[in-house]
Amino acid sequence: MELELKIADENDALLWDKVVESSSHGTIFHTWKWLKIVEKHTKCRLYPLIGAKESTIIGICPVFYQTFWGIKRVESPPPRMALPYLGPIIVDYDKFKQSKRESIYTEFIKNMDKFISSNLKPNYTYIALTPSLDPRPFKWTNYKVHALFDYNLNMEKGEEAVWQNFDKPARDHIKKANKENICFKEGTEEDLHYIYDSLVTRYKEQNKYVTVPEKYLFDIFNNYYPENMRIFIAKSGENNVGGIVSLLYKDTIYFWIGAAKSDLKVASPNDMIHWEGMRWGCNHGFKYYEETGANEERLCRFKSKYNPELMTRFTATKYSSYMYLLAEKAYTKVFKKVYGVLFK
């Protein structure tokens, strides 16, 4: 029985989200609405691929296609959308024995790759897998595989256990913030403006630029708040001094954006915001707190003090020729710098 791929449409939206919801590797970024919002705010075309044998769905994978500087690109996820990962979802992945899991997963990836190469004919393909998803089927399909890392904090034992697992300096920072009357509140749409503006300011100080479109953030807000999004704000008196945007999906709170360095001298509010976000999660039945991106030493010094577990995930990359590998490196080194100068 051969696996067949089709491109999903709006009639498949409910079925698509059911697959995402039921899979351990399905994330909020895979949900139909989120994918369509990404398509709206990029110059990409979304190809939501469904693989099935007869009427039984085997897996899904959203990929985005665009032509940039004459280079045809297929990406999952596309850049500048604050999406750490996307990639395939295999139905019942965790229920299969290893041999069947590898067989079904590899068949899906090989068929997906054949569809991409035959129909989209990209010069560059990039797929970022969700944490713990096996990268080997991509390697067996001639992709280059690269490891990345995230932090995931288990909150199942409750807020007291989470608190006691913090490094002492982190607890001291939070206690100091409380003594300085820095308080915590849940934010609103107005506070999302504050978080975005604070990131823009902080990036400018480092001669960098915020790549995520503001209109995109508010489109996500309008579609996902409050059920799947919360904004956590630190205040000193009447002034906002810090804030983060967290996403809520299944049993996990995701620290998504925010936590720009504060100008407040007496105490740092960011440790307190994360702690209050974790407390909120514990009190609302969430099991995990995920901090994406544990790859840079400087950032890891901040994130690791909450004593999270290190998680591994992988990216898979393929080029149609060596020339496009060089072109991609040139894009990374040159275009991003030029873009920053033009739009900072």
C-alpha atoms as a PDB file:
ATOM      1  CA  MET A   1       0.000   0.000   0.000  1.00  0.00           C
ATOM      2  CA  GLU A   2       1.615   3.221  -1.171  1.00  0.00           C
ATOM      3  CA  LEU A   3       1.663   6.431   0.806  1.00  0.00           C
ATOM      4  CA  GLU A   4       0.024   9.343  -0.999  1.00  0.00           C
ATOM      5  CA  LEU A   5       0.629  13.032  -0.349  1.00  0.00           C
ATOM      6  CA  LYS A   6      -1.875  15.798  -0.836  1.00  0.00           C
ATOM      7  CA  ILE A   7      -1.946  19.534  -0.143  1.00  0.00           C
ATOM      8  CA  ALA A   8      -4.490  20.295   2.557  1.00  0.00           C
ATOM      9  CA  ASP A   9      -7.023  23.107   2.150  1.00  0.00           C
ATOM     10  CA  GLU A  10      -9.509  24.891   4.406  1.00  0.00           C
ATOM     11  CA  ASN A  11     -11.799  21.861   4.347  1.00  0.00           C
ATOM     12  CA  ASP A  12      -9.048  19.909   6.097  1.00  0.00           C
ATOM     13  CA  ALA A  13      -8.410  22.504   8.835  1.00  0.00           C
ATOM     14  CA  LEU A  14     -10.287  20.685  11.621  1.00  0.00           C
ATOM     15  CA  LEU A  15      -8.704  17.359  10.730  1.00  0.00           C
ATOM     16  CA  TRP A  16      -5.270  19.007  10.597  1.00  0.00           C
ATOM     17  CA  ASP A  17      -5.647  20.495  14.070  1.00  0.00           C
ATOM     18  CA  LYS A  18      -6.895  17.168  15.413  1.00  0.00           C
ATOM     19  CA  VAL A  19      -3.639  15.543  14.260  1.00  0.00           C
ATOM     20  CA  VAL A  20      -1.618  18.362  15.844  1.00  0.00           C
ATOM     21  CA  GLU A  21      -3.520  18.118  19.117  1.00  0.00           C
ATOM     22  CA  SER A  22      -3.201  14.337  19.391  1.00  0.00           C
ATOM     23  CA  SER A  23       0.529  14.144  18.616  1.00  0.00           C
ATOM     24  CA  SER A  24       3.261  14.544  21.223  1.00  0.00           C
ATOM     25  CA  HIS A  25       5.262  16.508  18.626  1.00  0.00           C
ATOM     26  CA  GLY A  26       2.381  18.777  17.610  1.00  0.00           C
ATOM     27  CA  THR A  27       2.919  22.365  18.751  1.00  0.00           C
ATOM     28  CA  ILE A  28       0.902  25.549  18.708  1.00  0.00           C
ATOM     29  CA  PHE A  29       3.018  26.628  15.733  1.00  0.00           C
ATOM     30  CA  HIS A  30       1.587  23.707  13.728  1.00  0.00           C
ATOM     31  CA  THR A  31      -2.040  24.770  14.229  1.00  0.00           C
ATOM     32  CA  TRP A  32      -3.919  25.762  11.099  1.00  0.00           C
ATOM     33  CA  LYS A  33      -4.636  29.359  12.112  1.00  0.00           C
ATOM     34  CA  TRP A  34      -1.009  30.014  13.020  1.00  0.00           C
ATOM     35  CA  LEU A  35       0.230  28.658   9.695  1.00  0.00           C
ATOM     36  CA  LYS A  36      -2.201  30.833   7.744  1.00  0.00           C
ATOM     37  CA  ILE A  37      -1.168  33.908   9.743  1.00  0.00           C
ATOM     38  CA  VAL A  38       2.482  33.175   8.919  1.00  0.00           C
ATOM     39  CA  GLU A  39       1.588  32.858   5.238  1.00  0.00           C
ATOM     40  CA  LYS A  40      -0.230  36.192   5.410  1.00  0.00           C
ATOM     41  CA  HIS A  41       2.765  38.030   6.884  1.00  0.00           C
ATOM     42  CA  THR A  42       5.458  36.552   4.657  1.00  0.00           C
ATOM     43  CA  LYS A  43       5.991  36.383   0.927  1.00  0.00           C
ATOM     44  CA  CYS A  44       5.754  32.614   1.191  1.00  0.00           C
ATOM     45  CA  ARG A  45       3.174  30.165  -0.055  1.00  0.00           C
ATOM     46  CA  LEU A  46       2.086  27.552   2.451  1.00  0.00           C
ATOM     47  CA  TYR A  47       2.018  23.898   1.419  1.00  0.00           C
ATOM     48  CA  PRO A  48       0.350  21.949   4.258  1.00  0.00           C
ATOM     49  CA  LEU A  49       1.206  18.381   3.280  1.00  0.00           C
ATOM     50  CA  ILE A  50      -0.826  15.379   4.438  1.00  0.00           C
ATOM     51  CA  GLY A  51       0.465  11.846   3.928  1.00  0.00           C
ATOM     52  CA  ALA A  52      -2.038   8.993   4.023  1.00  0.00           C
ATOM     53  CA  LYS A  53      -2.471   5.339   3.158  1.00  0.00           C
ATOM     54  CA  GLU A  54      -6.007   4.910   1.844  1.00  0.00           C
ATOM     55  CA  SER A  55      -8.025   6.930   4.375  1.00  0.00           C
ATOM     56  CA  THR A  56      -5.545   6.641   7.258  1.00  0.00           C
ATOM     57  CA  ILE A  57      -3.379   9.698   7.884  1.00  0.00           C
ATOM     58  CA  ILE A  58       0.264   8.809   8.493  1.00  0.00           C
ATOM     59  CA  GLY A  59       1.743  12.270   8.983  1.00  0.00           C
ATOM     60  CA  ILE A  60       1.571  15.963   8.187  1.00  0.00           C
ATOM     61  CA  CYS A  61       4.171  18.634   7.510  1.00  0.00           C
ATOM     62  CA  PRO A  62       3.726  22.336   6.705  1.00  0.00           C
ATOM     63  CA  VAL A  63       6.340  23.792   4.360  1.00  0.00           C
ATOM     64  CA  PHE A  64       6.632  27.339   3.021  1.00  0.00           C
ATOM     65  CA  TYR A  65       7.893  28.213  -0.452  1.00  0.00           C
ATOM     66  CA  GLN A  66       9.354  31.509  -1.612  1.00  0.00           C
ATOM     67  CA  THR A  67      11.772  32.859  -4.201  1.00  0.00           C
ATOM     68  CA  PHE A  68      14.330  35.261  -2.749  1.00  0.00           C
ATOM     69  CA  TRP A  69      17.146  36.835  -4.759  1.00  0.00           C
ATOM     70  CA  GLY A  70      16.410  34.247  -7.430  1.00  0.00           C
ATOM     71  CA  ILE A  71      16.875  31.372  -4.975  1.00  0.00           C
ATOM     72  CA  LYS A  72      13.920  29.029  -4.548  1.00  0.00           C
ATOM     73  CA  ARG A  73      13.556  28.217  -0.854  1.00  0.00           C
ATOM     74  CA  VAL A  74      11.431  25.667   1.000  1.00  0.00           C
ATOM     75  CA  GLU A  75      11.395  26.174   4.766  1.00  0.00           C
ATOM     76  CA  SER A  76       9.595  24.854   7.799  1.00  0.00           C
ATOM     77  CA  PRO A  77       9.482  27.285   9.482  1.00  0.00           C
ATOM     78  CA  PRO A  78      10.240  30.403   7.417  1.00  0.00           C
ATOM     79  CA  PRO A  79      12.566  33.007   8.974  1.00  0.00           C
ATOM     80  CA  ARG A  80      11.641  36.170  10.894  1.00  0.00           C
ATOM     81  CA  MET A  81       8.416  34.753  12.363  1.00  0.00           C
ATOM     82  CA  ALA A  82       9.746  33.863  15.849  1.00  0.00           C
ATOM     83  CA  LEU A  83       9.193  30.165  15.172  1.00  0.00           C
ATOM     84  CA  PRO A  84      11.902  27.979  16.714  1.00  0.00           C
ATOM     85  CA  TYR A  85      10.747  24.813  14.970  1.00  0.00           C
ATOM     86  CA  LEU A  86       8.002  23.282  12.861  1.00  0.00           C
ATOM     87  CA  GLY A  87       8.547  20.295  10.565  1.00  0.00           C
ATOM     88  CA  PRO A  88       6.749  16.935  10.391  1.00  0.00           C
ATOM     89  CA  ILE A  89       4.283  15.269  12.726  1.00  0.00           C
ATOM     90  CA  ILE A  90       3.928  11.486  12.551  1.00  0.00           C
ATOM     91  CA  VAL A  91       0.609  10.107  13.792  1.00  0.00           C
ATOM     92  CA  ASP A  92       0.974   7.716  16.784  1.00  0.00           C
ATOM     93  CA  TYR A  93       4.758   8.183  16.684  1.00  0.00           C
ATOM     94  CA  ASP A  94       5.217   7.299  20.372  1.00  0.00           C
ATOM     95  CA  LYS A  95       2.892   4.281  20.268  1.00  0.00           C
ATOM     96  CA  PHE A  96       4.773   2.295  17.623  1.00  0.00           C
ATOM     97  CA  LYS A  97       7.569  -0.154  18.252  1.00  0.00           C
ATOM     98  CA  GLN A  98      10.900   1.196  17.054  1.00  0.00           C
ATOM     99  CA  SER A  99      11.032  -0.779  13.801  1.00  0.00           C
ATOM    100  CA  LYS A 100       7.541   0.288  12.713  1.00  0.00           C
ATOM    101  CA  ARG A 101       8.173   3.870  13.832  1.00  0.00           C
ATOM    102  CA  GLU A 102      11.320   4.105  11.725  1.00  0.00           C
ATOM    103  CA  SER A 103       9.648   2.475   8.727  1.00  0.00           C
ATOM    104  CA  ILE A 104       6.591   4.765   8.690  1.00  0.00           C
ATOM    105  CA  TYR A 105       8.531   7.912   9.538  1.00  0.00           C
ATOM    106  CA  THR A 106      11.197   7.278   6.886  1.00  0.00           C
ATOM    107  CA  GLU A 107       8.596   6.490   4.234  1.00  0.00           C
ATOM    108  CA  PHE A 108       6.795   9.753   4.980  1.00  0.00           C
ATOM    109  CA  ILE A 109       9.999  11.825   4.844  1.00  0.00           C
ATOM    110  CA  LYS A 110      11.155  10.239   1.583  1.00  0.00           C
ATOM    111  CA  ASN A 111       7.761  10.864  -0.030  1.00  0.00           C
ATOM    112  CA  MET A 112       7.702  14.425   1.252  1.00  0.00           C
ATOM    113  CA  ASP A 113      11.201  15.044  -0.088  1.00  0.00           C
ATOM    114  CA  LYS A 114      10.182  13.600  -3.460  1.00  0.00           C
ATOM    115  CA  PHE A 115       7.169  15.928  -3.584  1.00  0.00           C
ATOM    116  CA  ILE A 116       9.311  18.944  -2.684  1.00  0.00           C
ATOM    117  CA  SER A 117      12.042  18.186  -5.208  1.00  0.00           C
ATOM    118  CA  SER A 118       9.642  17.268  -8.035  1.00  0.00           C
ATOM    119  CA  ASN A 119       7.011  19.986  -7.591  1.00  0.00           C
ATOM    120  CA  LEU A 120       8.745  22.917  -5.889  1.00  0.00           C
ATOM    121  CA  LYS A 121      12.282  22.295  -7.178  1.00  0.00           C
ATOM    122  CA  PRO A 122      13.987  24.317  -4.416  1.00  0.00           C
ATOM    123  CA  ASN A 123      17.615  25.350  -4.372  1.00  0.00           C
ATOM    124  CA  TYR A 124      17.536  25.358  -0.582  1.00  0.00           C
ATOM    125  CA  THR A 125      15.442  23.339   1.877  1.00  0.00           C
ATOM    126  CA  TYR A 126      15.459  23.882   5.636  1.00  0.00           C
ATOM    127  CA  ILE A 127      13.363  21.990   8.186  1.00  0.00           C
ATOM    128  CA  ALA A 128      13.613  22.527  11.957  1.00  0.00           C
ATOM    129  CA  LEU A 129      12.317  19.523  13.870  1.00  0.00           C
ATOM    130  CA  THR A 130      10.512  19.660  17.180  1.00  0.00           C
ATOM    131  CA  PRO A 131      12.458  18.503  20.267  1.00  0.00           C
ATOM    132  CA  SER A 132      13.182  14.766  20.571  1.00  0.00           C
ATOM    133  CA  LEU A 133      12.073  13.967  17.015  1.00  0.00           C
ATOM    134  CA  ASP A 134      14.446  11.526  15.305  1.00  0.00           C
ATOM    135  CA  PRO A 135      16.560  13.299  12.625  1.00  0.00           C
ATOM    136  CA  ARG A 136      17.916  10.142  10.983  1.00  0.00           C
ATOM    137  CA  PRO A 137      15.240   9.785   8.260  1.00  0.00           C
ATOM    138  CA  PHE A 138      16.366  13.188   6.979  1.00  0.00           C
ATOM    139  CA  LYS A 139      19.998  12.087   7.064  1.00  0.00           C
ATOM    140  CA  TRP A 140      19.017   8.945   5.146  1.00  0.00           C
ATOM    141  CA  THR A 141      17.342  11.241   2.591  1.00  0.00           C
ATOM    142  CA  ASN A 142      20.575  13.185   2.012  1.00  0.00           C
ATOM    143  CA  TYR A 143      19.932  16.153   4.312  1.00  0.00           C
ATOM    144  CA  LYS A 144      22.643  17.667   6.473  1.00  0.00           C
ATOM    145  CA  VAL A 145      21.598  17.377  10.111  1.00  0.00           C
ATOM    146  CA  HIS A 146      22.615  19.836  12.828  1.00  0.00           C
ATOM    147  CA  ALA A 147      21.849  19.750  16.571  1.00  0.00           C
ATOM    148  CA  LEU A 148      20.315  22.642  18.527  1.00  0.00           C
ATOM    149  CA  PHE A 149      19.308  22.893  22.178  1.00  0.00           C
ATOM    150  CA  ASP A 150      16.486  24.198  24.370  1.00  0.00           C
ATOM    151  CA  TYR A 151      15.646  24.185  28.059  1.00  0.00           C
ATOM    152  CA  ASN A 152      12.556  22.537  29.521  1.00  0.00           C
ATOM    153  CA  LEU A 153      11.632  22.841  33.190  1.00  0.00           C
ATOM    154  CA  ASN A 154       9.411  20.211  34.816  1.00  0.00           C
ATOM    155  CA  MET A 155       6.783  21.796  37.102  1.00  0.00           C
ATOM    156  CA  GLU A 156       4.820  18.652  38.007  1.00  0.00           C
ATOM    157  CA  LYS A 157       5.963  18.682  41.664  1.00  0.00           C
ATOM    158  CA  GLY A 158       4.559  22.150  42.242  1.00  0.00           C
ATOM    159  CA  GLU A 159       5.851  25.670  42.726  1.00  0.00           C
ATOM    160  CA  GLU A 160       7.755  24.988  45.964  1.00  0.00           C
ATOM    161  CA  ALA A 161       9.834  22.275  44.276  1.00  0.00           C
ATOM    162  CA  VAL A 162      10.432  24.566  41.297  1.00  0.00           C
ATOM    163  CA  TRP A 163      11.545  27.373  43.626  1.00  0.00           C
ATOM    164  CA  GLN A 164      13.941  25.178  45.594  1.00  0.00           C
ATOM    165  CA  ASN A 165      15.579  23.984  42.366  1.00  0.00           C
ATOM    166  CA  PHE A 166      16.537  27.529  41.344  1.00  0.00           C
ATOM    167  CA  ASP A 167      20.145  28.577  41.850  1.00  0.00           C
ATOM    168  CA  LYS A 168      20.532  30.679  44.998  1.00  0.00           C
ATOM    169  CA  PRO A 169      21.467  33.852  43.019  1.00  0.00           C
ATOM    170  CA  ALA A 170      18.209  33.542  41.040  1.00  0.00           C
ATOM    171  CA  ARG A 171      16.170  33.266  44.242  1.00  0.00           C
ATOM    172  CA  ASP A 172      18.064  36.227  45.709  1.00  0.00           C
ATOM    173  CA  HIS A 173      17.295  38.347  42.619  1.00  0.00           C
ATOM    174  CA  ILE A 174      13.600  37.560  42.949  1.00  0.00           C
ATOM    175  CA  LYS A 175      13.567  38.341  46.679  1.00  0.00           C
ATOM    176  CA  LYS A 176      15.342  41.639  46.012  1.00  0.00           C
ATOM    177  CA  ALA A 177      12.817  42.555  43.320  1.00  0.00           C
ATOM    178  CA  ASN A 178      10.003  41.915  45.786  1.00  0.00           C
ATOM    179  CA  LYS A 179      11.712  44.067  48.445  1.00  0.00           C
ATOM    180  CA  GLU A 180      12.004  46.892  45.910  1.00  0.00           C
ATOM    181  CA  ASN A 181       8.228  46.689  45.406  1.00  0.00           C
ATOM    182  CA  ILE A 182       8.446  45.402  41.868  1.00  0.00           C
ATOM    183  CA  CYS A 183       5.087  43.768  41.317  1.00  0.00           C
ATOM    184  CA  PHE A 184       3.701  41.305  38.806  1.00  0.00           C
ATOM    185  CA  LYS A 185       0.533  41.510  36.743  1.00  0.00           C
ATOM    186  CA  GLU A 186      -1.039  39.887  33.724  1.00  0.00           C
ATOM    187  CA  GLY A 187      -0.777  42.163  30.725  1.00  0.00           C
ATOM    188  CA  THR A 188      -3.071  43.363  27.966  1.00  0.00           C
ATOM    189  CA  GLU A 189      -2.768  44.318  24.307  1.00  0.00           C
ATOM    190  CA  GLU A 190      -1.294  47.654  25.401  1.00  0.00           C
ATOM    191  CA  ASP A 191       1.452  45.797  27.265  1.00  0.00           C
ATOM    192  CA  LEU A 192       2.278  43.836  24.119  1.00  0.00           C
ATOM    193  CA  HIS A 193       3.110  47.183  22.499  1.00  0.00           C
ATOM    194  CA  TYR A 194       5.417  47.897  25.452  1.00  0.00           C
ATOM    195  CA  ILE A 195       7.210  44.537  25.119  1.00  0.00           C
ATOM    196  CA  TYR A 196       7.756  44.997  21.394  1.00  0.00           C
ATOM    197  CA  ASP A 197       9.006  48.571  21.794  1.00  0.00           C
ATOM    198  CA  SER A 198      11.382  47.533  24.588  1.00  0.00           C
ATOM    199  CA  LEU A 199      12.856  44.842  22.328  1.00  0.00           C
ATOM    200  CA  VAL A 200      13.334  47.353  19.504  1.00  0.00           C
ATOM    201  CA  THR A 201      15.117  49.720  21.899  1.00  0.00           C
ATOM    202  CA  ARG A 202      17.324  46.997  23.349  1.00  0.00           C
ATOM    203  CA  TYR A 203      18.292  45.688  19.919  1.00  0.00           C
ATOM    204  CA  LYS A 204      19.193  49.168  18.689  1.00  0.00           C
ATOM    205  CA  GLU A 205      21.556  49.542  21.633  1.00  0.00           C
ATOM    206  CA  GLN A 206      23.370  46.453  20.308  1.00  0.00           C
ATOM    207  CA  ASN A 207      23.265  47.624  16.666  1.00  0.00           C
ATOM    208  CA  LYS A 208      20.780  44.873  15.895  1.00  0.00           C
ATOM    209  CA  TYR A 209      17.220  44.898  14.646  1.00  0.00           C
ATOM    210  CA  VAL A 210      13.981  43.111  15.508  1.00  0.00           C
ATOM    211  CA  THR A 211      13.060  40.902  12.561  1.00  0.00           C
ATOM    212  CA  VAL A 212       9.556  39.928  13.679  1.00  0.00           C
ATOM    213  CA  PRO A 213       6.838  42.178  12.165  1.00  0.00           C
ATOM    214  CA  GLU A 214       4.772  43.975  14.782  1.00  0.00           C
ATOM    215  CA  LYS A 215       1.548  43.412  12.810  1.00  0.00           C
ATOM    216  CA  TYR A 216       2.242  39.685  12.865  1.00  0.00           C
ATOM    217  CA  LEU A 217       2.507  39.671  16.673  1.00  0.00           C
ATOM    218  CA  PHE A 218      -0.812  41.438  17.020  1.00  0.00           C
ATOM    219  CA  ASP A 219      -2.445  39.101  14.537  1.00  0.00           C
ATOM    220  CA  ILE A 220      -1.283  36.201  16.711  1.00  0.00           C
ATOM    221  CA  PHE A 221      -2.539  38.059  19.792  1.00  0.00           C
ATOM    222  CA  ASN A 222      -5.983  38.626  18.273  1.00  0.00           C
ATOM    223  CA  ASN A 223      -6.330  34.950  17.383  1.00  0.00           C
ATOM    224  CA  TYR A 224      -4.738  33.232  20.390  1.00  0.00           C
ATOM    225  CA  TYR A 225      -5.205  35.488  23.423  1.00  0.00           C
ATOM    226  CA  PRO A 226      -6.222  34.638  26.118  1.00  0.00           C
ATOM    227  CA  GLU A 227      -6.759  30.884  25.663  1.00  0.00           C
ATOM    228  CA  ASN A 228      -3.303  30.171  24.237  1.00  0.00           C
ATOM    229  CA  MET A 229      -1.373  33.294  25.178  1.00  0.00           C
ATOM    230  CA  ARG A 230      -0.592  35.243  28.328  1.00  0.00           C
ATOM    231  CA  ILE A 231       1.381  38.450  28.810  1.00  0.00           C
ATOM    232  CA  PHE A 232       3.288  38.791  32.087  1.00  0.00           C
ATOM    233  CA  ILE A 233       4.438  42.252  33.163  1.00  0.00           C
ATOM    234  CA  ALA A 234       6.693  43.582  35.944  1.00  0.00           C
ATOM    235  CA  LYS A 235       5.886  47.053  37.275  1.00  0.00           C
ATOM    236  CA  SER A 236       7.705  49.519  39.478  1.00  0.00           C
ATOM    237  CA  GLY A 237       5.106  51.968  40.663  1.00  0.00           C
ATOM    238  CA  GLU A 238       3.087  52.928  37.596  1.00  0.00           C
ATOM    239  CA  ASN A 239       5.855  52.043  35.141  1.00  0.00           C
ATOM    240  CA  ASN A 240       6.400  48.827  33.231  1.00  0.00           C
ATOM    241  CA  VAL A 241       9.951  47.584  33.813  1.00  0.00           C
ATOM    242  CA  GLY A 242       9.827  44.207  32.078  1.00  0.00           C
ATOM    243  CA  GLY A 243       7.574  41.772  30.305  1.00  0.00           C
ATOM    244  CA  ILE A 244       7.300  38.495  28.441  1.00  0.00           C
ATOM    245  CA  VAL A 245       4.814  36.851  26.100  1.00  0.00           C
ATOM    246  CA  SER A 246       4.078  33.218  26.915  1.00  0.00           C
ATOM    247  CA  LEU A 247       2.245  30.686  24.765  1.00  0.00           C
ATOM    248  CA  LEU A 248       0.037  27.990  26.286  1.00  0.00           C
ATOM    249  CA  TYR A 249      -0.528  24.702  24.502  1.00  0.00           C
ATOM    250  CA  LYS A 250      -1.402  21.285  25.854  1.00  0.00           C
ATOM    251  CA  ASP A 251       0.598  20.868  29.100  1.00  0.00           C
ATOM    252  CA  THR A 252       3.350  23.409  28.356  1.00  0.00           C
ATOM    253  CA  ILE A 253       3.995  27.128  28.810  1.00  0.00           C
ATOM    254  CA  TYR A 254       6.419  28.471  26.216  1.00  0.00           C
ATOM    255  CA  PHE A 255       8.451  31.603  26.891  1.00  0.00           C
ATOM    256  CA  TRP A 256       8.034  33.112  23.432  1.00  0.00           C
ATOM    257  CA  ILE A 257       9.311  36.699  23.258  1.00  0.00           C
ATOM    258  CA  GLY A 258      10.292  39.535  25.599  1.00  0.00           C
ATOM    259  CA  ALA A 259      12.520  39.803  28.668  1.00  0.00           C
ATOM    260  CA  ALA A 260      14.531  42.697  27.242  1.00  0.00           C
ATOM    261  CA  LYS A 261      17.203  43.887  29.656  1.00  0.00           C
ATOM    262  CA  SER A 262      15.734  46.488  31.994  1.00  0.00           C
ATOM    263  CA  ASP A 263      17.237  49.893  32.790  1.00  0.00           C
ATOM    264  CA  LEU A 264      16.093  49.495  36.386  1.00  0.00           C
ATOM    265  CA  LYS A 265      19.163  49.784  38.631  1.00  0.00           C
ATOM    266  CA  VAL A 266      17.921  48.554  42.009  1.00  0.00           C
ATOM    267  CA  ALA A 267      16.860  45.077  40.860  1.00  0.00           C
ATOM    268  CA  SER A 268      16.455  42.946  37.755  1.00  0.00           C
ATOM    269  CA  PRO A 269      12.801  42.161  37.045  1.00  0.00           C
ATOM    270  CA  ASN A 270      13.319  39.387  34.487  1.00  0.00           C
ATOM    271  CA  ASP A 271      13.966  36.595  36.993  1.00  0.00           C
ATOM    272  CA  MET A 272      10.819  37.599  38.824  1.00  0.00           C
ATOM    273  CA  ILE A 273       8.725  37.611  35.633  1.00  0.00           C
ATOM    274  CA  HIS A 274       9.841  34.105  34.703  1.00  0.00           C
ATOM    275  CA  TRP A 275       9.226  32.884  38.247  1.00  0.00           C
ATOM    276  CA  GLU A 276       5.747  34.375  38.316  1.00  0.00           C
ATOM    277  CA  GLY A 277       5.049  32.825  34.919  1.00  0.00           C
ATOM    278  CA  MET A 278       6.083  29.441  36.312  1.00  0.00           C
ATOM    279  CA  ARG A 279       3.939  29.954  39.418  1.00  0.00           C
ATOM    280  CA  TRP A 280       1.006  30.851  37.200  1.00  0.00           C
ATOM    281  CA  GLY A 281       1.610  27.665  35.217  1.00  0.00           C
ATOM    282  CA  CYS A 282       1.781  25.490  38.329  1.00  0.00           C
ATOM    283  CA  ASN A 283      -1.490  26.958  39.577  1.00  0.00           C
ATOM    284  CA  HIS A 284      -3.230  26.423  36.235  1.00  0.00           C
ATOM    285  CA  GLY A 285      -2.287  22.785  35.709  1.00  0.00           C
ATOM    286  CA  PHE A 286       0.663  23.111  33.328  1.00  0.00           C
ATOM    287  CA  LYS A 287       3.488  20.592  33.629  1.00  0.00           C
ATOM    288  CA  TYR A 288       6.361  22.193  31.716  1.00  0.00           C
ATOM    289  CA  TYR A 289       7.953  25.583  31.113  1.00  0.00           C
ATOM    290  CA  GLU A 290       9.973  25.741  27.910  1.00  0.00           C
ATOM    291  CA  GLU A 291      12.702  28.259  27.132  1.00  0.00           C
ATOM    292  CA  THR A 292      13.683  27.935  23.502  1.00  0.00           C
ATOM    293  CA  GLY A 293      17.298  28.506  22.553  1.00  0.00           C
ATOM    294  CA  ALA A 294      20.099  27.111  24.710  1.00  0.00           C
ATOM    295  CA  ASN A 295      22.817  27.549  22.122  1.00  0.00           C
ATOM    296  CA  GLU A 296      24.611  30.759  23.103  1.00  0.00           C
ATOM    297  CA  GLU A 297      26.783  30.710  26.220  1.00  0.00           C
ATOM    298  CA  ARG A 298      25.758  34.225  27.268  1.00  0.00           C
ATOM    299  CA  LEU A 299      22.034  33.414  27.189  1.00  0.00           C
ATOM    300  CA  CYS A 300      22.524  30.015  28.790  1.00  0.00           C
ATOM    301  CA  ARG A 301      24.058  31.627  31.867  1.00  0.00           C
ATOM    302  CA  PHE A 302      20.722  33.377  32.410  1.00  0.00           C
ATOM    303  CA  LYS A 303      18.384  30.535  31.469  1.00  0.00           C
ATOM    304  CA  SER A 304      20.183  27.643  33.185  1.00  0.00           C
ATOM    305  CA  LYS A 305      19.882  29.111  36.689  1.00  0.00           C
ATOM    306  CA  TYR A 306      16.299  27.825  36.878  1.00  0.00           C
ATOM    307  CA  ASN A 307      17.757  24.287  36.709  1.00  0.00           C
ATOM    308  CA  PRO A 308      15.877  23.102  33.605  1.00  0.00           C
ATOM    309  CA  GLU A 309      16.493  19.943  31.613  1.00  0.00           C
ATOM    310  CA  LEU A 310      18.520  20.310  28.421  1.00  0.00           C
ATOM    311  CA  MET A 311      16.576  19.204  25.334  1.00  0.00           C
ATOM    312  CA  THR A 312      18.036  18.364  21.930  1.00  0.00           C
ATOM    313  CA  ARG A 313      16.414  19.048  18.583  1.00  0.00           C
ATOM    314  CA  PHE A 314      17.696  19.026  15.030  1.00  0.00           C
ATOM    315  CA  THR A 315      17.598  20.965  11.798  1.00  0.00           C
ATOM    316  CA  ALA A 316      17.786  19.335   8.364  1.00  0.00           C
ATOM    317  CA  THR A 317      19.200  21.210   5.376  1.00  0.00           C
ATOM    318  CA  LYS A 318      19.599  20.356   1.712  1.00  0.00           C
ATOM    319  CA  TYR A 319      21.025  22.321  -1.243  1.00  0.00           C
ATOM    320  CA  SER A 320      20.448  21.569  -4.910  1.00  0.00           C
ATOM    321  CA  SER A 321      24.116  22.319  -5.595  1.00  0.00           C
ATOM    322  CA  TYR A 322      27.250  23.597  -3.877  1.00  0.00           C
ATOM    323  CA  MET A 323      26.692  27.006  -5.482  1.00  0.00           C
ATOM    324  CA  TYR A 324      23.543  27.500  -3.425  1.00  0.00           C
ATOM    325  CA  LEU A 325      25.364  26.511  -0.255  1.00  0.00           C
ATOM    326  CA  LEU A 326      27.767  29.379  -0.941  1.00  0.00           C
ATOM    327  CA  ALA A 327      24.853  31.682  -1.769  1.00  0.00           C
ATOM    328  CA  GLU A 328      23.174  30.871   1.547  1.00  0.00           C
ATOM    329  CA  LYS A 329      26.378  31.621   3.449  1.00  0.00           C
ATOM    330  CA  ALA A 330      26.660  34.942   1.609  1.00  0.00           C
ATOM    331  CA  TYR A 331      23.065  35.748   2.533  1.00  0.00           C
ATOM    332  CA  THR A 332      23.762  35.014   6.184  1.00  0.00           C
ATOM    333  CA  LYS A 333      26.942  37.089   6.341  1.00  0.00           C
ATOM    334  CA  VAL A 334      26.085  40.008   4.050  1.00  0.00           C
ATOM    335  CA  PHE A 335      22.361  40.476   3.528  1.00  0.00           C
ATOM    336  CA  LYS A 336      21.381  40.322   7.194  1.00  0.00           C
ATOM    337  CA  LYS A 337      23.909  43.041   8.034  1.00  0.00           C
ATOM    338  CA  VAL A 338      22.741  45.246   5.159  1.00  0.00           C
ATOM    339  CA  TYR A 339      19.114  44.682   6.131  1.00  0.00           C
ATOM    340  CA  GLY A 340      19.917  45.751   9.670  1.00  0.00           C
ATOM    341  CA  VAL A 341      21.563  48.986   8.517  1.00  0.00           C
ATOM    342  CA  LEU A 342      18.628  49.853   6.266  1.00  0.00           C
ATOM    343  CA  PHE A 343      15.845  49.151   8.728  1.00  0.00           C
ATOM    344  CA  LYS A 344      17.261  49.738  12.203  1.00  0.00           C
END
